[in-house]
Amino acid sequence: MSNTPQSLSVQKALDDAPISRYQWKTILLCFLIVATDGLDTAAIGFIAPAIIADWGLSRPQLTPLFISGLIGLTLGAIIFGPLADRLGRKKILIFSVFFFGLMSLLSAFSPNMETLALLRFLTGIGLGGAMPTAITMTSEFLPARRRSALVTLMFCGFTLGSALGGVLTAQLLHLVDWHGILVLGGVLPLALVIVLYFFLDESPRYRVSKNEPAQNIAAFMGKITGKAYPNTVFHLDEIKTGKSAVTALFQPGLFMVTAVLWLAFFMSFLIIYLFSSWVPTLLGSIGVELSKASWITAAFQIGGTLGAIYLGSLMDRRNPYKVLITSYVLGAGFIALIGFSTSNIPLLVLGIFGAGVGISGAQVGFNSLSAILYPTECRATGVSWANAAGRCGAIFGAFAGGTMISWGYEFTTIFKALAFPALITASCILVLYMFSLAKQKRASQKAPINATPANVS
């Protein structure tokens, strides 16, 4: 009997096995990470009125508070993506959660707006590193047949966390004031750090890329799949360039993917954050009462959550590019519908709900797709930097909404204009699909790829 070890692809091993409790554990832990992320991100918006009342501020004086958080999110994604590719997904996830938890806790004791804005900026840096790395970690534990649906399910933790932030604020604000809400937003992630340290394991693909001993990887893969892998060397079905993660994003074959992906994320986040920031105000401009405007705006979040779950499942059963293209095109149609529904509340709610499904729901699925566009050596950087481009779109969207309102643009005009970024996003995904087809064609014309084996020592 030959002692020559057999070589097996990590992804094939995952694809050939059912989803195990071990994988569900990873999904749950990453779900909790993005849930605490969502809670902390949303909390500042819910406690804003209390901060205004406590410090005697005007609404415009809160602008630095919101913008500093978005800038921090952008910077965090830029910083932590390459570090996750260099140092490991687990280390960066634990540090990111610890950092944003600590900064949130410290922000509860801010004596003035300047200090609070600075600490929210630092909190944003931690938040910016946690979410994209959680997407990367989850995607690398899963079989291709269920990846989109389960990454999307994990990411719904962010929406749940955001909603939980609203519920907790409503129930506890009169008891612990806004300081207590920020304390809670800090204590929960700090407690989660302990759980992550003991129960979260490093990605199998990352372990192979770093040439861990073959017997260690085989034992670890056995824990994931429940199978034994005697005399097996695991490899990745991709060529290592040996370049840094940042350099790899711009190498031939990936440069255009990166550029188009950034543009798509920029446009998608622009829509989402303009909706989140300005729709209640815009509804007020057409005579909708503030209390009703809040409920109508909630249709966008509800649509986004339901759309994410449905689209994620559909992406696993159909061509994911075509699913997202269709979703963004339909989303553009629903956004335009909003502009024509100023006097018809049911139609207005339908338009906002449909925009939530088509745009916010599709963005969650788009996060999952972005993770498979890059090889392991630069995946965390690729996902994180795409999110950073999206955050830039969010900042632009927040400013653009205020600018259009200050320039006197009407409700109908604003929403007609907002349909175009959705169509641009759909066009970008179409280009990414064409790149994918061209890549598959080139691969089929070449000899089989030389696998990158793990260290057999």
Protein backbone atom coordinates (compact mmCIF):
# COMPACT_ATOMS: atom_id res chain seq x y z
CA MET A 1 0.00 0.00 0.00
CA SER A 2 1.41 3.39 -0.99
CA ASN A 3 2.35 5.87 1.73
CA THR A 4 2.08 8.77 -0.69
CA PRO A 5 -0.41 11.22 0.82
CA GLN A 6 -3.50 12.00 -1.22
CA SER A 7 -4.17 15.66 -2.01
CA LEU A 8 -7.68 16.97 -1.34
CA SER A 9 -9.15 20.41 -1.91
CA VAL A 10 -10.45 22.12 1.24
CA GLN A 11 -13.50 23.32 -0.66
CA LYS A 12 -14.26 19.85 -2.05
CA ALA A 13 -14.10 18.40 1.47
CA LEU A 14 -16.58 21.04 2.66
CA ASP A 15 -18.80 20.56 -0.41
CA ASP A 16 -18.95 16.77 0.03
CA ALA A 17 -20.13 16.96 3.64
CA PRO A 18 -23.44 18.05 5.19
CA ILE A 19 -23.55 21.22 7.29
CA SER A 20 -22.26 20.18 10.72
CA ARG A 21 -22.84 21.52 14.22
CA TYR A 22 -19.29 22.81 14.09
CA GLN A 23 -20.15 25.02 11.11
CA TRP A 24 -23.39 26.16 12.74
CA LYS A 25 -21.33 27.18 15.76
CA THR A 26 -19.17 29.41 13.56
CA ILE A 27 -22.25 30.91 11.91
CA LEU A 28 -23.78 31.62 15.33
CA LEU A 29 -20.62 33.26 16.69
CA CYS A 30 -20.29 35.49 13.61
CA PHE A 31 -24.04 36.24 13.88
CA LEU A 32 -23.44 37.46 17.44
CA ILE A 33 -20.51 39.59 16.27
CA VAL A 34 -22.54 41.43 13.64
CA ALA A 35 -25.53 41.65 16.03
CA THR A 36 -23.44 43.53 18.61
CA ASP A 37 -22.07 45.56 15.70
CA GLY A 38 -25.61 46.44 14.61
CA LEU A 39 -26.72 47.27 18.13
CA ASP A 40 -23.82 49.64 18.68
CA THR A 41 -24.11 51.24 15.23
CA ALA A 42 -27.85 51.90 15.62
CA ALA A 43 -27.75 52.95 19.28
CA ILE A 44 -26.24 56.37 18.56
CA GLY A 45 -29.18 57.27 16.34
CA PHE A 46 -31.73 56.17 18.95
CA ILE A 47 -30.07 58.14 21.79
CA ALA A 48 -29.47 61.27 19.71
CA PRO A 49 -32.59 63.10 21.01
CA ALA A 50 -31.51 62.42 24.60
CA ILE A 51 -28.02 63.81 23.88
CA ILE A 52 -29.57 66.94 22.37
CA ALA A 53 -31.75 67.46 25.43
CA ASP A 54 -28.94 66.70 27.91
CA TRP A 55 -26.36 69.03 26.38
CA GLY A 56 -28.71 71.64 24.93
CA LEU A 57 -27.60 71.09 21.33
CA SER A 58 -29.25 71.79 18.01
CA ARG A 59 -29.75 69.01 15.46
CA PRO A 60 -27.01 70.28 13.11
CA GLN A 61 -24.53 70.06 16.00
CA LEU A 62 -24.93 66.27 15.91
CA THR A 63 -23.57 66.06 12.36
CA PRO A 64 -19.92 65.55 13.46
CA LEU A 65 -21.09 62.68 15.67
CA PHE A 66 -22.66 60.77 12.78
CA ILE A 67 -19.98 61.59 10.22
CA SER A 68 -17.12 60.66 12.58
CA GLY A 69 -18.63 57.21 13.04
CA LEU A 70 -18.90 56.66 9.27
CA ILE A 71 -15.31 57.82 8.74
CA GLY A 72 -14.20 55.43 11.47
CA LEU A 73 -16.08 52.56 9.80
CA THR A 74 -14.32 53.33 6.51
CA LEU A 75 -10.88 53.54 8.09
CA GLY A 76 -11.45 50.37 10.12
CA ALA A 77 -12.30 48.38 6.99
CA ILE A 78 -9.16 49.69 5.26
CA ILE A 79 -6.90 48.86 8.23
CA PHE A 80 -8.22 45.51 9.41
CA GLY A 81 -8.79 43.81 6.04
CA PRO A 82 -5.08 43.40 5.22
CA LEU A 83 -4.36 42.50 8.85
CA ALA A 84 -6.94 39.69 8.72
CA ASP A 85 -5.17 38.28 5.64
CA ARG A 86 -1.79 38.56 7.34
CA LEU A 87 -2.52 37.65 10.97
CA GLY A 88 -5.67 35.54 10.68
CA ARG A 89 -9.42 36.06 10.74
CA LYS A 90 -9.87 34.97 14.37
CA LYS A 91 -7.29 37.37 15.84
CA ILE A 92 -8.69 40.36 13.98
CA LEU A 93 -12.29 39.50 14.84
CA ILE A 94 -11.48 39.23 18.54
CA PHE A 95 -9.44 42.43 18.55
CA SER A 96 -12.06 44.37 16.55
CA VAL A 97 -14.89 43.33 18.87
CA PHE A 98 -12.75 44.13 21.93
CA PHE A 99 -11.76 47.52 20.52
CA PHE A 100 -15.23 48.74 19.56
CA GLY A 101 -16.65 47.43 22.84
CA LEU A 102 -14.03 49.29 24.87
CA MET A 103 -14.46 52.52 22.89
CA SER A 104 -18.24 52.35 23.25
CA LEU A 105 -17.86 51.87 26.99
CA LEU A 106 -15.51 54.85 27.26
CA SER A 107 -17.82 57.02 25.13
CA ALA A 108 -20.50 56.65 27.81
CA PHE A 109 -18.39 58.89 30.04
CA SER A 110 -17.78 61.64 27.46
CA PRO A 111 -17.93 65.13 29.04
CA ASN A 112 -18.71 66.96 25.77
CA MET A 113 -19.57 66.57 22.09
CA GLU A 114 -15.95 66.78 20.91
CA THR A 115 -14.90 63.84 23.10
CA LEU A 116 -17.97 61.81 22.17
CA ALA A 117 -17.35 62.38 18.44
CA LEU A 118 -13.71 61.27 18.83
CA LEU A 119 -14.67 58.13 20.71
CA ARG A 120 -17.40 57.32 18.17
CA PHE A 121 -14.75 57.65 15.48
CA LEU A 122 -12.59 55.11 17.34
CA THR A 123 -15.64 52.88 17.90
CA GLY A 124 -16.28 53.03 14.16
CA ILE A 125 -12.75 51.79 13.45
CA GLY A 126 -13.44 48.63 15.44
CA LEU A 127 -16.88 48.19 13.88
CA GLY A 128 -15.39 48.63 10.41
CA GLY A 129 -13.02 45.73 10.98
CA ALA A 130 -15.50 43.31 12.55
CA MET A 131 -18.24 43.06 9.93
CA PRO A 132 -16.22 42.31 6.74
CA THR A 133 -13.99 39.86 8.59
CA ALA A 134 -17.05 38.02 9.91
CA ILE A 135 -18.32 37.72 6.32
CA THR A 136 -14.95 36.32 5.22
CA MET A 137 -14.73 33.90 8.14
CA THR A 138 -18.23 32.53 7.60
CA SER A 139 -17.81 32.10 3.85
CA GLU A 140 -14.59 30.11 4.31
CA PHE A 141 -16.28 27.54 6.56
CA LEU A 142 -19.15 26.74 4.20
CA PRO A 143 -19.86 24.52 1.16
CA ALA A 144 -20.50 26.41 -2.06
CA ARG A 145 -24.05 25.03 -2.37
CA ARG A 146 -25.21 26.80 0.83
CA ARG A 147 -22.75 29.68 1.08
CA SER A 148 -24.93 32.58 -0.04
CA ALA A 149 -27.94 31.61 2.05
CA LEU A 150 -25.96 30.99 5.24
CA VAL A 151 -23.71 34.04 4.94
CA THR A 152 -26.86 36.07 4.39
CA LEU A 153 -28.50 34.45 7.41
CA MET A 154 -25.44 35.28 9.51
CA PHE A 155 -25.50 38.88 8.30
CA CYS A 156 -29.14 39.26 9.36
CA GLY A 157 -27.68 39.50 12.85
CA PHE A 158 -26.83 43.11 12.00
CA THR A 159 -30.49 43.94 11.31
CA LEU A 160 -31.61 42.09 14.43
CA GLY A 161 -28.98 43.91 16.48
CA SER A 162 -30.12 47.25 15.08
CA ALA A 163 -33.73 46.46 15.94
CA LEU A 164 -32.69 45.28 19.40
CA GLY A 165 -30.90 48.60 19.89
CA GLY A 166 -34.18 50.39 19.28
CA VAL A 167 -36.13 48.13 21.65
CA LEU A 168 -33.56 48.38 24.45
CA THR A 169 -33.32 52.14 24.06
CA ALA A 170 -37.09 52.52 24.22
CA GLN A 171 -37.31 50.33 27.33
CA LEU A 172 -34.21 51.46 29.23
CA LEU A 173 -33.52 55.07 28.25
CA HIS A 174 -35.74 56.51 30.98
CA LEU A 175 -33.99 54.30 33.55
CA VAL A 176 -30.30 54.58 32.61
CA ASP A 177 -30.28 57.61 30.23
CA TRP A 178 -28.06 57.67 27.12
CA HIS A 179 -24.90 56.99 29.12
CA GLY A 180 -26.29 53.64 30.24
CA ILE A 181 -27.22 52.66 26.68
CA LEU A 182 -23.61 53.20 25.58
CA VAL A 183 -22.37 51.23 28.60
CA LEU A 184 -24.59 48.33 27.50
CA GLY A 185 -23.27 48.72 23.94
CA GLY A 186 -19.76 48.31 25.34
CA VAL A 187 -20.29 45.55 27.90
CA LEU A 188 -22.03 43.13 25.50
CA PRO A 189 -19.19 42.96 22.93
CA LEU A 190 -16.58 42.79 25.70
CA ALA A 191 -18.38 39.77 27.15
CA LEU A 192 -18.57 38.28 23.64
CA VAL A 193 -14.77 38.53 23.33
CA ILE A 194 -14.41 35.86 26.05
CA VAL A 195 -16.76 33.53 24.17
CA LEU A 196 -14.93 34.11 20.89
CA TYR A 197 -11.54 33.42 22.44
CA PHE A 198 -12.58 29.95 23.62
CA PHE A 199 -15.05 28.83 20.94
CA LEU A 200 -14.18 30.52 17.62
CA ASP A 201 -11.65 28.66 15.44
CA GLU A 202 -9.53 29.93 12.58
CA SER A 203 -10.71 29.49 9.00
CA PRO A 204 -9.60 26.18 7.39
CA ARG A 205 -8.71 27.95 4.14
CA TYR A 206 -6.52 30.43 6.02
CA ARG A 207 -4.77 27.57 7.85
CA VAL A 208 -3.93 25.88 4.56
CA SER A 209 -2.75 29.15 3.01
CA LYS A 210 -0.31 29.56 5.91
CA ASN A 211 1.04 26.01 5.47
CA GLU A 212 0.10 24.61 8.85
CA PRO A 213 1.19 20.98 9.37
CA ALA A 214 -0.87 18.56 7.29
CA GLN A 215 -1.86 16.36 10.24
CA ASN A 216 -3.19 19.38 12.14
CA ILE A 217 -5.30 20.52 9.20
CA ALA A 218 -6.58 16.97 8.59
CA ALA A 219 -7.66 16.71 12.23
CA PHE A 220 -9.33 20.12 12.06
CA MET A 221 -11.18 19.27 8.83
CA GLY A 222 -12.33 16.06 10.51
CA LYS A 223 -13.89 18.14 13.31
CA ILE A 224 -15.73 20.25 10.73
CA THR A 225 -17.02 17.49 8.43
CA GLY A 226 -17.15 14.51 10.82
CA LYS A 227 -14.99 12.44 8.47
CA ALA A 228 -11.50 10.95 8.87
CA TYR A 229 -8.69 12.06 6.54
CA PRO A 230 -5.77 9.66 7.05
CA ASN A 231 -2.63 10.38 5.04
CA THR A 232 -4.25 13.46 3.44
CA VAL A 233 -2.73 16.78 2.43
CA PHE A 234 -5.24 19.59 1.92
CA HIS A 235 -4.77 22.26 -0.72
CA LEU A 236 -6.50 25.33 -2.15
CA ASP A 237 -7.81 25.35 -5.72
CA GLU A 238 -6.04 28.61 -6.48
CA ILE A 239 -2.56 29.86 -7.25
CA LYS A 240 -0.72 31.81 -4.55
CA THR A 241 0.87 34.93 -5.98
CA GLY A 242 3.17 35.49 -3.02
CA LYS A 243 2.21 39.17 -3.07
CA SER A 244 0.86 41.19 -0.19
CA ALA A 245 -2.94 41.18 0.19
CA VAL A 246 -3.17 44.82 -0.89
CA THR A 247 -0.96 44.33 -3.95
CA ALA A 248 -2.91 41.21 -4.92
CA LEU A 249 -6.13 43.24 -5.25
CA PHE A 250 -4.61 45.19 -8.13
CA GLN A 251 -2.78 42.43 -9.97
CA PRO A 252 -3.76 41.60 -13.57
CA GLY A 253 -7.06 39.76 -13.54
CA LEU A 254 -8.24 41.33 -10.28
CA PHE A 255 -7.70 45.05 -10.87
CA MET A 256 -10.87 45.54 -12.91
CA VAL A 257 -12.85 43.30 -10.55
CA THR A 258 -11.74 45.48 -7.64
CA ALA A 259 -12.53 48.76 -9.42
CA VAL A 260 -16.00 47.65 -10.57
CA LEU A 261 -16.82 46.12 -7.17
CA TRP A 262 -15.90 49.37 -5.41
CA LEU A 263 -18.14 51.40 -7.70
CA ALA A 264 -21.03 48.98 -7.13
CA PHE A 265 -20.65 49.09 -3.33
CA PHE A 266 -20.34 52.90 -3.39
CA MET A 267 -23.64 53.26 -5.27
CA SER A 268 -25.48 50.63 -3.23
CA PHE A 269 -24.47 52.08 0.14
CA LEU A 270 -25.28 55.59 -1.12
CA ILE A 271 -28.91 54.54 -1.58
CA ILE A 272 -29.16 52.64 1.71
CA TYR A 273 -27.73 55.42 3.87
CA LEU A 274 -29.65 58.18 2.09
CA PHE A 275 -32.80 56.21 2.86
CA SER A 276 -31.79 55.70 6.48
CA SER A 277 -30.83 59.34 7.01
CA TRP A 278 -33.40 61.35 5.05
CA VAL A 279 -36.58 59.41 4.21
CA PRO A 280 -38.45 60.47 7.40
CA THR A 281 -37.57 64.10 6.66
CA LEU A 282 -38.58 63.74 3.01
CA LEU A 283 -41.89 62.16 4.01
CA GLY A 284 -42.48 65.13 6.29
CA SER A 285 -42.02 67.44 3.31
CA ILE A 286 -45.11 65.90 1.63
CA GLY A 287 -47.24 66.18 4.75
CA VAL A 288 -46.72 62.79 6.43
CA GLU A 289 -46.73 63.08 10.23
CA LEU A 290 -43.46 62.20 11.98
CA SER A 291 -45.01 59.26 13.87
CA LYS A 292 -46.35 57.78 10.62
CA ALA A 293 -43.11 58.55 8.78
CA SER A 294 -41.15 56.39 11.25
CA TRP A 295 -43.44 53.42 10.65
CA ILE A 296 -43.42 53.91 6.88
CA THR A 297 -39.61 54.11 6.86
CA ALA A 298 -39.47 50.84 8.84
CA ALA A 299 -40.85 49.13 5.72
CA PHE A 300 -37.42 49.62 4.15
CA GLN A 301 -35.69 47.68 6.96
CA ILE A 302 -38.36 44.96 7.00
CA GLY A 303 -38.07 44.58 3.24
CA GLY A 304 -34.29 44.45 3.51
CA THR A 305 -34.36 41.64 6.08
CA LEU A 306 -36.94 39.51 4.25
CA GLY A 307 -35.27 40.24 0.92
CA ALA A 308 -31.85 39.22 2.24
CA ILE A 309 -33.13 35.83 3.42
CA TYR A 310 -35.00 35.13 0.18
CA LEU A 311 -32.29 36.40 -2.18
CA GLY A 312 -29.54 34.53 -0.31
CA SER A 313 -31.42 31.26 -0.75
CA LEU A 314 -32.15 32.08 -4.39
CA MET A 315 -28.47 32.84 -5.07
CA ASP A 316 -27.56 29.29 -4.05
CA ARG A 317 -30.16 27.80 -6.42
CA ARG A 318 -29.74 30.16 -9.38
CA ASN A 319 -26.96 32.19 -10.95
CA PRO A 320 -26.06 34.67 -8.16
CA TYR A 321 -25.04 37.42 -10.57
CA LYS A 322 -28.37 37.27 -12.40
CA VAL A 323 -30.28 37.24 -9.11
CA LEU A 324 -28.54 40.42 -7.92
CA ILE A 325 -28.83 42.18 -11.28
CA THR A 326 -32.57 41.52 -11.35
CA SER A 327 -32.93 42.62 -7.73
CA TYR A 328 -31.21 45.97 -8.24
CA VAL A 329 -33.18 46.67 -11.43
CA LEU A 330 -36.45 45.95 -9.62
CA GLY A 331 -35.18 48.04 -6.70
CA ALA A 332 -34.65 50.96 -9.08
CA GLY A 333 -38.23 50.56 -10.27
CA PHE A 334 -39.58 50.61 -6.72
CA ILE A 335 -37.50 53.71 -5.89
CA ALA A 336 -38.99 55.48 -8.91
CA LEU A 337 -42.45 54.33 -7.75
CA ILE A 338 -41.88 56.15 -4.45
CA GLY A 339 -41.41 59.39 -6.37
CA PHE A 340 -44.81 58.98 -8.04
CA SER A 341 -46.68 58.07 -4.82
CA THR A 342 -46.80 61.33 -2.90
CA SER A 343 -50.59 61.20 -2.53
CA ASN A 344 -51.03 57.44 -2.17
CA ILE A 345 -49.78 56.09 1.16
CA PRO A 346 -50.31 52.34 0.42
CA LEU A 347 -48.39 52.71 -2.85
CA LEU A 348 -45.70 54.69 -1.01
CA VAL A 349 -45.28 51.90 1.56
CA LEU A 350 -45.13 49.32 -1.24
CA GLY A 351 -42.41 51.33 -2.99
CA ILE A 352 -40.33 51.68 0.18
CA PHE A 353 -40.76 47.98 1.05
CA GLY A 354 -39.82 46.97 -2.50
CA ALA A 355 -36.76 49.23 -2.39
CA GLY A 356 -35.76 47.52 0.87
CA VAL A 357 -36.03 44.08 -0.74
CA GLY A 358 -34.33 45.09 -3.99
CA ILE A 359 -31.53 47.26 -2.63
CA SER A 360 -30.90 46.59 1.08
CA GLY A 361 -31.66 42.87 0.74
CA ALA A 362 -29.50 42.59 -2.36
CA GLN A 363 -26.59 44.33 -0.63
CA VAL A 364 -26.47 41.56 1.97
CA GLY A 365 -26.31 38.99 -0.83
CA PHE A 366 -23.71 41.14 -2.58
CA ASN A 367 -21.50 40.86 0.52
CA SER A 368 -21.60 37.09 0.13
CA LEU A 369 -20.76 37.29 -3.58
CA SER A 370 -17.83 39.65 -2.96
CA ALA A 371 -16.21 37.03 -0.73
CA ILE A 372 -15.88 34.55 -3.61
CA LEU A 373 -14.44 37.06 -6.07
CA TYR A 374 -11.03 36.97 -4.36
CA PRO A 375 -8.52 34.21 -3.54
CA THR A 376 -7.85 33.29 0.09
CA GLU A 377 -4.64 35.31 0.36
CA CYS A 378 -6.48 38.62 -0.18
CA ARG A 379 -10.13 37.75 0.51
CA ALA A 380 -10.47 39.63 3.81
CA THR A 381 -8.79 42.68 2.27
CA GLY A 382 -11.03 42.52 -0.81
CA VAL A 383 -14.26 42.27 1.22
CA SER A 384 -13.14 44.91 3.74
CA TRP A 385 -11.99 47.42 1.14
CA ALA A 386 -15.19 46.97 -0.87
CA ASN A 387 -17.07 47.80 2.34
CA ALA A 388 -14.80 50.82 2.80
CA ALA A 389 -15.78 52.01 -0.69
CA GLY A 390 -19.39 51.46 0.36
CA ARG A 391 -18.88 53.57 3.49
CA CYS A 392 -17.59 56.38 1.27
CA GLY A 393 -20.85 56.05 -0.64
CA ALA A 394 -22.72 56.20 2.67
CA ILE A 395 -21.00 59.45 3.62
CA PHE A 396 -21.73 60.88 0.17
CA GLY A 397 -25.35 59.73 0.42
CA ALA A 398 -25.82 61.42 3.80
CA PHE A 399 -24.42 64.68 2.41
CA ALA A 400 -26.24 64.34 -0.93
CA GLY A 401 -29.63 64.02 0.74
CA GLY A 402 -29.09 67.14 2.82
CA THR A 403 -27.73 69.04 -0.17
CA MET A 404 -30.66 68.19 -2.45
CA ILE A 405 -33.11 69.20 0.27
CA SER A 406 -31.27 72.50 0.90
CA TRP A 407 -31.30 73.22 -2.84
CA GLY A 408 -35.05 72.84 -2.90
CA TYR A 409 -35.36 69.61 -4.88
CA GLU A 410 -38.84 68.14 -4.63
CA PHE A 411 -39.70 64.70 -3.22
CA THR A 412 -40.48 63.28 -6.67
CA THR A 413 -37.25 64.58 -8.23
CA ILE A 414 -35.04 63.17 -5.47
CA PHE A 415 -36.43 59.65 -5.79
CA LYS A 416 -36.34 59.67 -9.56
CA ALA A 417 -32.64 60.61 -9.34
CA LEU A 418 -32.02 57.93 -6.69
CA ALA A 419 -33.09 55.19 -9.10
CA PHE A 420 -29.97 55.78 -11.22
CA PRO A 421 -27.40 54.58 -8.62
CA ALA A 422 -29.39 51.32 -8.41
CA LEU A 423 -29.15 50.87 -12.17
CA ILE A 424 -25.41 51.65 -12.06
CA THR A 425 -25.00 48.94 -9.40
CA ALA A 426 -26.88 46.44 -11.57
CA SER A 427 -24.63 47.36 -14.52
CA CYS A 428 -21.51 46.82 -12.40
CA ILE A 429 -22.69 43.35 -11.36
CA LEU A 430 -23.31 42.57 -15.03
CA VAL A 431 -19.69 43.52 -15.77
CA LEU A 432 -18.50 41.31 -12.88
CA TYR A 433 -20.56 38.46 -14.37
CA MET A 434 -18.87 38.96 -17.73
CA PHE A 435 -15.46 38.90 -16.02
CA SER A 436 -16.46 35.64 -14.31
CA LEU A 437 -17.47 34.03 -17.61
CA ALA A 438 -14.21 35.15 -19.23
CA LYS A 439 -12.22 33.72 -16.31
CA GLN A 440 -14.02 30.37 -16.57
CA LYS A 441 -13.34 30.27 -20.30
CA ARG A 442 -9.61 30.93 -19.79
CA ALA A 443 -9.44 28.28 -17.07
CA SER A 444 -11.06 25.67 -19.30
CA GLN A 445 -8.44 26.32 -22.00
CA LYS A 446 -5.49 25.83 -19.65
CA ALA A 447 -3.94 22.79 -18.06
CA PRO A 448 -5.14 21.92 -14.52
CA ILE A 449 -3.92 24.30 -11.83
CA ASN A 450 -1.06 23.18 -9.64
CA ALA A 451 -2.57 22.99 -6.19
CA THR A 452 -0.97 24.74 -3.24
CA PRO A 453 -0.45 21.96 -0.65
CA ALA A 454 -0.10 22.42 3.06
CA ASN A 455 3.19 21.77 4.82
CA VAL A 456 3.53 18.01 5.29
CA SER A 457 5.91 18.35 8.19
